[in-house]
Amino acid sequence: MRHRERHRTERIGWLRAAVLGANDGIVSTASLVIGVAAAEASRHDILVAGVAGLVAGALSMAAGEYVSVSSQADTERADLALERTELATQQVAEENELAEIYVRRGLEPTLARTVAQQLTAHDALGAHARDELGLSAGAAARPLQAAVTSAATFAVGAGLPIVTIIVAPPASLVLVVSGASLICLAALGALAARVGGASAWVGAARVAFWGALAMAVTAGVGALFGTAIG
């Protein structure tokens, strides 16, 4: 029976985009609506600000992720194209380079040469991509996947403060939005840490800390400008 292992590194691409999107959705939208609420705006104005923040943020996240990951993908393709050219024009030098890599990793020179020759005969570009450039199919840049994941998770995260605005009593809106957002941020941090194999407590604490800081600063700014305008 074939042994199948699933490693956490296989989740890095989508996990990073998903956690970043949801975290940004909660923090930025909650901070925005708390800042507007602290300026003594009406519930309608706060809700409009929250929805506008959700739409703008989701599109911004999608565009940012797509451009960023596309740049990474372009670099990977350029490196592979260069390696393909070198394999076609400098086959002996490339084989020597591969053998030297295996020697540095602990193989004896004779065995390293044999491994390099066999891998070159089987899939030269794949061997150099993996062992020289550090590229693999599982960790390859996927711009569209990153963009869609970030936008969707941002919208889901941003939806939490917006729903809270609708159901929270006007007198305690800031408190309810802050509390609900911090609880969800802590849960998100813990979940992401556990999926990635780290401590759930550490993940929850660091996400909640930065979320609380962002909300506190925006609330202060909103209160300051609200007082100045009033």
C-alpha atoms as a PDB file:
ATOM      1  CA  MET A   1       0.000   0.000   0.000  1.00  0.00           C
ATOM      2  CA  ARG A   2       1.399   3.385  -1.024  1.00  0.00           C
ATOM      3  CA  HIS A   3       2.177   5.735   1.851  1.00  0.00           C
ATOM      4  CA  ARG A   4       0.697   9.198   1.306  1.00  0.00           C
ATOM      5  CA  GLU A   5       1.847  12.167   3.364  1.00  0.00           C
ATOM      6  CA  ARG A   6       0.188  15.562   3.420  1.00  0.00           C
ATOM      7  CA  HIS A   7       2.360  18.396   4.662  1.00  0.00           C
ATOM      8  CA  ARG A   8       1.285  21.810   5.896  1.00  0.00           C
ATOM      9  CA  THR A   9       3.439  23.509   3.263  1.00  0.00           C
ATOM     10  CA  GLU A  10       0.837  22.412   0.692  1.00  0.00           C
ATOM     11  CA  ARG A  11      -1.603  24.846   2.335  1.00  0.00           C
ATOM     12  CA  ILE A  12       0.682  27.878   2.335  1.00  0.00           C
ATOM     13  CA  GLY A  13      -0.631  29.471  -0.881  1.00  0.00           C
ATOM     14  CA  TRP A  14      -4.339  29.563  -0.096  1.00  0.00           C
ATOM     15  CA  LEU A  15      -3.917  29.755   3.700  1.00  0.00           C
ATOM     16  CA  ARG A  16      -1.845  32.939   3.559  1.00  0.00           C
ATOM     17  CA  ALA A  17      -4.303  34.654   1.225  1.00  0.00           C
ATOM     18  CA  ALA A  18      -7.350  33.479   3.199  1.00  0.00           C
ATOM     19  CA  VAL A  19      -6.015  34.542   6.601  1.00  0.00           C
ATOM     20  CA  LEU A  20      -4.763  37.871   5.264  1.00  0.00           C
ATOM     21  CA  GLY A  21      -8.086  38.600   3.564  1.00  0.00           C
ATOM     22  CA  ALA A  22     -10.310  37.707   6.529  1.00  0.00           C
ATOM     23  CA  ASN A  23      -8.058  39.468   9.016  1.00  0.00           C
ATOM     24  CA  ASP A  24      -7.941  42.644   6.934  1.00  0.00           C
ATOM     25  CA  GLY A  25     -11.696  42.496   6.370  1.00  0.00           C
ATOM     26  CA  ILE A  26     -12.455  42.435  10.076  1.00  0.00           C
ATOM     27  CA  VAL A  27      -9.767  44.890  11.200  1.00  0.00           C
ATOM     28  CA  SER A  28     -10.162  47.528   8.502  1.00  0.00           C
ATOM     29  CA  THR A  29     -13.984  47.517   8.425  1.00  0.00           C
ATOM     30  CA  ALA A  30     -14.388  47.364  12.207  1.00  0.00           C
ATOM     31  CA  SER A  31     -11.844  50.154  12.631  1.00  0.00           C
ATOM     32  CA  LEU A  32     -13.588  52.231   9.956  1.00  0.00           C
ATOM     33  CA  VAL A  33     -17.051  51.920  11.453  1.00  0.00           C
ATOM     34  CA  ILE A  34     -15.759  52.460  14.985  1.00  0.00           C
ATOM     35  CA  GLY A  35     -13.997  55.630  13.871  1.00  0.00           C
ATOM     36  CA  VAL A  36     -17.145  56.901  12.166  1.00  0.00           C
ATOM     37  CA  ALA A  37     -19.280  55.930  15.171  1.00  0.00           C
ATOM     38  CA  ALA A  38     -16.882  57.691  17.531  1.00  0.00           C
ATOM     39  CA  ALA A  39     -17.475  60.871  15.523  1.00  0.00           C
ATOM     40  CA  GLU A  40     -21.158  60.573  16.572  1.00  0.00           C
ATOM     41  CA  ALA A  41     -22.464  59.713  13.108  1.00  0.00           C
ATOM     42  CA  SER A  42     -25.903  58.159  12.618  1.00  0.00           C
ATOM     43  CA  ARG A  43     -26.381  54.388  12.272  1.00  0.00           C
ATOM     44  CA  HIS A  44     -27.198  54.889   8.574  1.00  0.00           C
ATOM     45  CA  ASP A  45     -23.945  56.770   7.954  1.00  0.00           C
ATOM     46  CA  ILE A  46     -21.967  54.145   9.856  1.00  0.00           C
ATOM     47  CA  LEU A  47     -23.592  51.361   7.826  1.00  0.00           C
ATOM     48  CA  VAL A  48     -22.894  53.149   4.530  1.00  0.00           C
ATOM     49  CA  ALA A  49     -19.251  53.594   5.550  1.00  0.00           C
ATOM     50  CA  GLY A  50     -19.002  49.911   6.437  1.00  0.00           C
ATOM     51  CA  VAL A  51     -20.493  48.684   3.155  1.00  0.00           C
ATOM     52  CA  ALA A  52     -18.287  51.061   1.163  1.00  0.00           C
ATOM     53  CA  GLY A  53     -15.281  49.783   3.080  1.00  0.00           C
ATOM     54  CA  LEU A  54     -16.255  46.183   2.315  1.00  0.00           C
ATOM     55  CA  VAL A  55     -16.587  46.752  -1.425  1.00  0.00           C
ATOM     56  CA  ALA A  56     -13.490  48.921  -1.764  1.00  0.00           C
ATOM     57  CA  GLY A  57     -11.425  46.651   0.460  1.00  0.00           C
ATOM     58  CA  ALA A  58     -12.393  43.437  -1.324  1.00  0.00           C
ATOM     59  CA  LEU A  59     -11.537  44.902  -4.722  1.00  0.00           C
ATOM     60  CA  SER A  60      -8.310  46.366  -3.381  1.00  0.00           C
ATOM     61  CA  MET A  61      -7.295  43.032  -1.870  1.00  0.00           C
ATOM     62  CA  ALA A  62      -8.051  41.201  -5.129  1.00  0.00           C
ATOM     63  CA  ALA A  63      -6.066  43.691  -7.199  1.00  0.00           C
ATOM     64  CA  GLY A  64      -3.161  43.792  -4.761  1.00  0.00           C
ATOM     65  CA  GLU A  65      -2.889  40.026  -4.468  1.00  0.00           C
ATOM     66  CA  TYR A  66      -3.202  39.518  -8.211  1.00  0.00           C
ATOM     67  CA  VAL A  67      -0.483  42.058  -9.019  1.00  0.00           C
ATOM     68  CA  SER A  68       1.820  40.837  -6.257  1.00  0.00           C
ATOM     69  CA  VAL A  69       1.489  37.130  -7.002  1.00  0.00           C
ATOM     70  CA  SER A  70       1.623  37.783 -10.764  1.00  0.00           C
ATOM     71  CA  SER A  71       4.999  39.462 -10.247  1.00  0.00           C
ATOM     72  CA  GLN A  72       6.161  36.397  -8.357  1.00  0.00           C
ATOM     73  CA  ALA A  73       4.853  34.125 -11.125  1.00  0.00           C
ATOM     74  CA  ASP A  74       6.613  36.256 -13.757  1.00  0.00           C
ATOM     75  CA  THR A  75       9.894  35.884 -11.879  1.00  0.00           C
ATOM     76  CA  GLU A  76       9.433  32.124 -11.615  1.00  0.00           C
ATOM     77  CA  ARG A  77       8.705  31.840 -15.345  1.00  0.00           C
ATOM     78  CA  ALA A  78      11.744  33.977 -16.189  1.00  0.00           C
ATOM     79  CA  ASP A  79      13.998  31.802 -14.018  1.00  0.00           C
ATOM     80  CA  LEU A  80      12.638  28.642 -15.636  1.00  0.00           C
ATOM     81  CA  ALA A  81      13.136  30.093 -19.115  1.00  0.00           C
ATOM     82  CA  LEU A  82      16.735  30.960 -18.277  1.00  0.00           C
ATOM     83  CA  GLU A  83      17.319  27.495 -16.859  1.00  0.00           C
ATOM     84  CA  ARG A  84      15.781  25.904 -19.962  1.00  0.00           C
ATOM     85  CA  THR A  85      18.191  27.890 -22.183  1.00  0.00           C
ATOM     86  CA  GLU A  86      21.201  26.954 -20.072  1.00  0.00           C
ATOM     87  CA  LEU A  87      20.232  23.280 -20.177  1.00  0.00           C
ATOM     88  CA  ALA A  88      20.068  23.455 -23.963  1.00  0.00           C
ATOM     89  CA  THR A  89      23.388  25.277 -24.381  1.00  0.00           C
ATOM     90  CA  GLN A  90      25.476  24.255 -21.349  1.00  0.00           C
ATOM     91  CA  GLN A  91      24.357  20.758 -20.504  1.00  0.00           C
ATOM     92  CA  VAL A  92      27.637  19.596 -18.950  1.00  0.00           C
ATOM     93  CA  ALA A  93      27.984  22.695 -16.784  1.00  0.00           C
ATOM     94  CA  GLU A  94      24.402  22.349 -15.586  1.00  0.00           C
ATOM     95  CA  GLU A  95      24.929  18.696 -14.709  1.00  0.00           C
ATOM     96  CA  ASN A  96      28.065  19.649 -12.768  1.00  0.00           C
ATOM     97  CA  GLU A  97      26.092  22.327 -10.966  1.00  0.00           C
ATOM     98  CA  LEU A  98      23.425  19.814  -9.966  1.00  0.00           C
ATOM     99  CA  ALA A  99      26.060  17.345  -8.733  1.00  0.00           C
ATOM    100  CA  GLU A 100      27.685  20.083  -6.617  1.00  0.00           C
ATOM    101  CA  ILE A 101      24.333  20.842  -5.014  1.00  0.00           C
ATOM    102  CA  TYR A 102      23.945  17.203  -3.962  1.00  0.00           C
ATOM    103  CA  VAL A 103      27.501  17.108  -2.624  1.00  0.00           C
ATOM    104  CA  ARG A 104      26.744  20.143  -0.444  1.00  0.00           C
ATOM    105  CA  ARG A 105      23.681  18.301   0.829  1.00  0.00           C
ATOM    106  CA  GLY A 106      25.766  15.371   2.005  1.00  0.00           C
ATOM    107  CA  LEU A 107      26.133  12.920  -0.883  1.00  0.00           C
ATOM    108  CA  GLU A 108      29.519  11.511  -1.859  1.00  0.00           C
ATOM    109  CA  PRO A 109      30.798  13.003  -5.150  1.00  0.00           C
ATOM    110  CA  THR A 110      30.421   9.747  -7.094  1.00  0.00           C
ATOM    111  CA  LEU A 111      26.875   9.198  -5.887  1.00  0.00           C
ATOM    112  CA  ALA A 112      26.034  12.878  -6.410  1.00  0.00           C
ATOM    113  CA  ARG A 113      27.228  12.600 -10.015  1.00  0.00           C
ATOM    114  CA  THR A 114      25.125   9.471 -10.588  1.00  0.00           C
ATOM    115  CA  VAL A 115      22.020  11.101  -9.100  1.00  0.00           C
ATOM    116  CA  ALA A 116      22.566  14.242 -11.192  1.00  0.00           C
ATOM    117  CA  GLN A 117      22.915  12.204 -14.372  1.00  0.00           C
ATOM    118  CA  GLN A 118      19.807  10.117 -13.702  1.00  0.00           C
ATOM    119  CA  LEU A 119      17.651  13.110 -12.743  1.00  0.00           C
ATOM    120  CA  THR A 120      18.893  15.024 -15.776  1.00  0.00           C
ATOM    121  CA  ALA A 121      17.944  12.131 -18.029  1.00  0.00           C
ATOM    122  CA  HIS A 122      14.515  11.852 -16.383  1.00  0.00           C
ATOM    123  CA  ASP A 123      13.541  15.539 -16.092  1.00  0.00           C
ATOM    124  CA  ALA A 124      16.403  18.007 -16.238  1.00  0.00           C
ATOM    125  CA  LEU A 125      14.309  21.160 -15.924  1.00  0.00           C
ATOM    126  CA  GLY A 126      12.271  19.739 -13.044  1.00  0.00           C
ATOM    127  CA  ALA A 127      15.425  18.753 -11.160  1.00  0.00           C
ATOM    128  CA  HIS A 128      17.003  22.196 -11.544  1.00  0.00           C
ATOM    129  CA  ALA A 129      13.752  23.991 -10.734  1.00  0.00           C
ATOM    130  CA  ARG A 130      13.391  22.013  -7.519  1.00  0.00           C
ATOM    131  CA  ASP A 131      16.992  21.699  -6.325  1.00  0.00           C
ATOM    132  CA  GLU A 132      18.654  24.810  -7.742  1.00  0.00           C
ATOM    133  CA  LEU A 133      15.834  27.370  -7.798  1.00  0.00           C
ATOM    134  CA  GLY A 134      13.714  25.994  -4.959  1.00  0.00           C
ATOM    135  CA  LEU A 135      10.545  25.908  -7.076  1.00  0.00           C
ATOM    136  CA  SER A 136       7.888  23.206  -6.837  1.00  0.00           C
ATOM    137  CA  ALA A 137       4.435  22.681  -8.287  1.00  0.00           C
ATOM    138  CA  GLY A 138       2.816  22.740  -4.830  1.00  0.00           C
ATOM    139  CA  ALA A 139       4.277  26.148  -3.952  1.00  0.00           C
ATOM    140  CA  ALA A 140       3.940  27.753  -7.379  1.00  0.00           C
ATOM    141  CA  ALA A 141       2.464  31.248  -7.525  1.00  0.00           C
ATOM    142  CA  ARG A 142      -1.229  31.263  -8.530  1.00  0.00           C
ATOM    143  CA  PRO A 143      -2.360  34.879  -9.030  1.00  0.00           C
ATOM    144  CA  LEU A 144      -6.035  34.208  -9.747  1.00  0.00           C
ATOM    145  CA  GLN A 145      -6.420  31.835  -6.816  1.00  0.00           C
ATOM    146  CA  ALA A 146      -4.788  34.350  -4.464  1.00  0.00           C
ATOM    147  CA  ALA A 147      -6.935  37.230  -5.768  1.00  0.00           C
ATOM    148  CA  VAL A 148     -10.253  35.378  -5.495  1.00  0.00           C
ATOM    149  CA  THR A 149      -9.401  33.927  -2.079  1.00  0.00           C
ATOM    150  CA  SER A 150      -8.332  37.292  -0.661  1.00  0.00           C
ATOM    151  CA  ALA A 151     -11.386  39.141  -2.009  1.00  0.00           C
ATOM    152  CA  ALA A 152     -13.835  36.492  -0.808  1.00  0.00           C
ATOM    153  CA  THR A 153     -12.354  36.153   2.662  1.00  0.00           C
ATOM    154  CA  PHE A 154     -12.066  39.930   3.024  1.00  0.00           C
ATOM    155  CA  ALA A 155     -15.776  40.268   2.226  1.00  0.00           C
ATOM    156  CA  VAL A 156     -16.663  37.556   4.745  1.00  0.00           C
ATOM    157  CA  GLY A 157     -14.522  39.196   7.424  1.00  0.00           C
ATOM    158  CA  ALA A 158     -15.866  42.666   6.670  1.00  0.00           C
ATOM    159  CA  GLY A 159     -19.414  41.346   6.813  1.00  0.00           C
ATOM    160  CA  LEU A 160     -19.112  40.691  10.546  1.00  0.00           C
ATOM    161  CA  PRO A 161     -18.868  44.349  11.680  1.00  0.00           C
ATOM    162  CA  ILE A 162     -21.618  45.291   9.220  1.00  0.00           C
ATOM    163  CA  VAL A 163     -24.018  42.694  10.628  1.00  0.00           C
ATOM    164  CA  THR A 164     -23.096  43.834  14.128  1.00  0.00           C
ATOM    165  CA  ILE A 165     -23.978  47.438  13.233  1.00  0.00           C
ATOM    166  CA  ILE A 166     -27.454  46.332  12.199  1.00  0.00           C
ATOM    167  CA  VAL A 167     -28.227  44.380  15.378  1.00  0.00           C
ATOM    168  CA  ALA A 168     -26.311  46.338  18.039  1.00  0.00           C
ATOM    169  CA  PRO A 169     -28.120  48.903  20.235  1.00  0.00           C
ATOM    170  CA  PRO A 170     -27.151  52.457  19.156  1.00  0.00           C
ATOM    171  CA  ALA A 171     -25.919  53.390  22.629  1.00  0.00           C
ATOM    172  CA  SER A 172     -23.404  50.523  22.767  1.00  0.00           C
ATOM    173  CA  LEU A 173     -22.590  50.153  19.071  1.00  0.00           C
ATOM    174  CA  VAL A 174     -18.867  50.863  19.438  1.00  0.00           C
ATOM    175  CA  LEU A 175     -18.531  48.433  22.339  1.00  0.00           C
ATOM    176  CA  VAL A 176     -20.469  45.639  20.608  1.00  0.00           C
ATOM    177  CA  VAL A 177     -18.639  46.012  17.287  1.00  0.00           C
ATOM    178  CA  SER A 178     -15.264  46.066  19.075  1.00  0.00           C
ATOM    179  CA  GLY A 179     -16.036  43.044  21.215  1.00  0.00           C
ATOM    180  CA  ALA A 180     -17.490  40.925  18.433  1.00  0.00           C
ATOM    181  CA  SER A 181     -14.621  41.817  16.100  1.00  0.00           C
ATOM    182  CA  LEU A 182     -11.944  41.002  18.673  1.00  0.00           C
ATOM    183  CA  ILE A 183     -13.554  37.644  19.467  1.00  0.00           C
ATOM    184  CA  CYS A 184     -13.660  36.748  15.758  1.00  0.00           C
ATOM    185  CA  LEU A 185     -10.096  37.962  15.232  1.00  0.00           C
ATOM    186  CA  ALA A 186      -8.864  35.808  18.102  1.00  0.00           C
ATOM    187  CA  ALA A 187     -10.754  32.798  16.717  1.00  0.00           C
ATOM    188  CA  LEU A 188      -9.334  33.427  13.250  1.00  0.00           C
ATOM    189  CA  GLY A 189      -5.798  33.722  14.592  1.00  0.00           C
ATOM    190  CA  ALA A 190      -6.170  30.523  16.605  1.00  0.00           C
ATOM    191  CA  LEU A 191      -7.612  28.617  13.635  1.00  0.00           C
ATOM    192  CA  ALA A 192      -4.905  29.809  11.256  1.00  0.00           C
ATOM    193  CA  ALA A 193      -2.186  28.911  13.765  1.00  0.00           C
ATOM    194  CA  ARG A 194      -3.598  25.423  14.291  1.00  0.00           C
ATOM    195  CA  VAL A 195      -3.906  24.770  10.561  1.00  0.00           C
ATOM    196  CA  GLY A 196      -0.320  25.912  10.157  1.00  0.00           C
ATOM    197  CA  GLY A 197       0.880  23.759  13.059  1.00  0.00           C
ATOM    198  CA  ALA A 198       1.612  26.590  15.526  1.00  0.00           C
ATOM    199  CA  SER A 199       0.229  27.497  18.954  1.00  0.00           C
ATOM    200  CA  ALA A 200      -3.425  28.557  18.846  1.00  0.00           C
ATOM    201  CA  TRP A 201      -2.947  30.839  21.852  1.00  0.00           C
ATOM    202  CA  VAL A 202      -0.053  32.692  20.264  1.00  0.00           C
ATOM    203  CA  GLY A 203      -1.947  33.061  16.983  1.00  0.00           C
ATOM    204  CA  ALA A 204      -5.041  34.388  18.758  1.00  0.00           C
ATOM    205  CA  ALA A 205      -3.079  36.829  20.916  1.00  0.00           C
ATOM    206  CA  ARG A 206      -1.085  38.451  18.135  1.00  0.00           C
ATOM    207  CA  VAL A 207      -4.077  38.930  15.835  1.00  0.00           C
ATOM    208  CA  ALA A 208      -6.277  40.277  18.636  1.00  0.00           C
ATOM    209  CA  PHE A 209      -3.536  42.672  19.793  1.00  0.00           C
ATOM    210  CA  TRP A 210      -3.085  44.342  16.420  1.00  0.00           C
ATOM    211  CA  GLY A 211      -6.825  44.427  15.842  1.00  0.00           C
ATOM    212  CA  ALA A 212      -7.421  46.115  19.206  1.00  0.00           C
ATOM    213  CA  LEU A 213      -4.664  48.622  18.505  1.00  0.00           C
ATOM    214  CA  ALA A 214      -6.118  49.528  15.099  1.00  0.00           C
ATOM    215  CA  MET A 215      -9.617  49.966  16.520  1.00  0.00           C
ATOM    216  CA  ALA A 216      -8.389  52.051  19.455  1.00  0.00           C
ATOM    217  CA  VAL A 217      -6.408  54.399  17.215  1.00  0.00           C
ATOM    218  CA  THR A 218      -9.289  54.874  14.762  1.00  0.00           C
ATOM    219  CA  ALA A 219     -11.757  55.449  17.582  1.00  0.00           C
ATOM    220  CA  GLY A 220      -9.452  58.135  18.941  1.00  0.00           C
ATOM    221  CA  VAL A 221      -9.160  59.792  15.542  1.00  0.00           C
ATOM    222  CA  GLY A 222     -12.946  59.655  15.039  1.00  0.00           C
ATOM    223  CA  ALA A 223     -13.628  61.141  18.459  1.00  0.00           C
ATOM    224  CA  LEU A 224     -11.057  63.882  17.899  1.00  0.00           C
ATOM    225  CA  PHE A 225     -12.425  64.924  14.512  1.00  0.00           C
ATOM    226  CA  GLY A 226     -16.001  64.602  15.676  1.00  0.00           C
ATOM    227  CA  THR A 227     -15.318  66.952  18.560  1.00  0.00           C
ATOM    228  CA  ALA A 228     -13.414  69.381  16.345  1.00  0.00           C
ATOM    229  CA  ILE A 229     -16.167  69.492  13.724  1.00  0.00           C
ATOM    230  CA  GLY A 230     -18.902  69.755  16.310  1.00  0.00           C
END
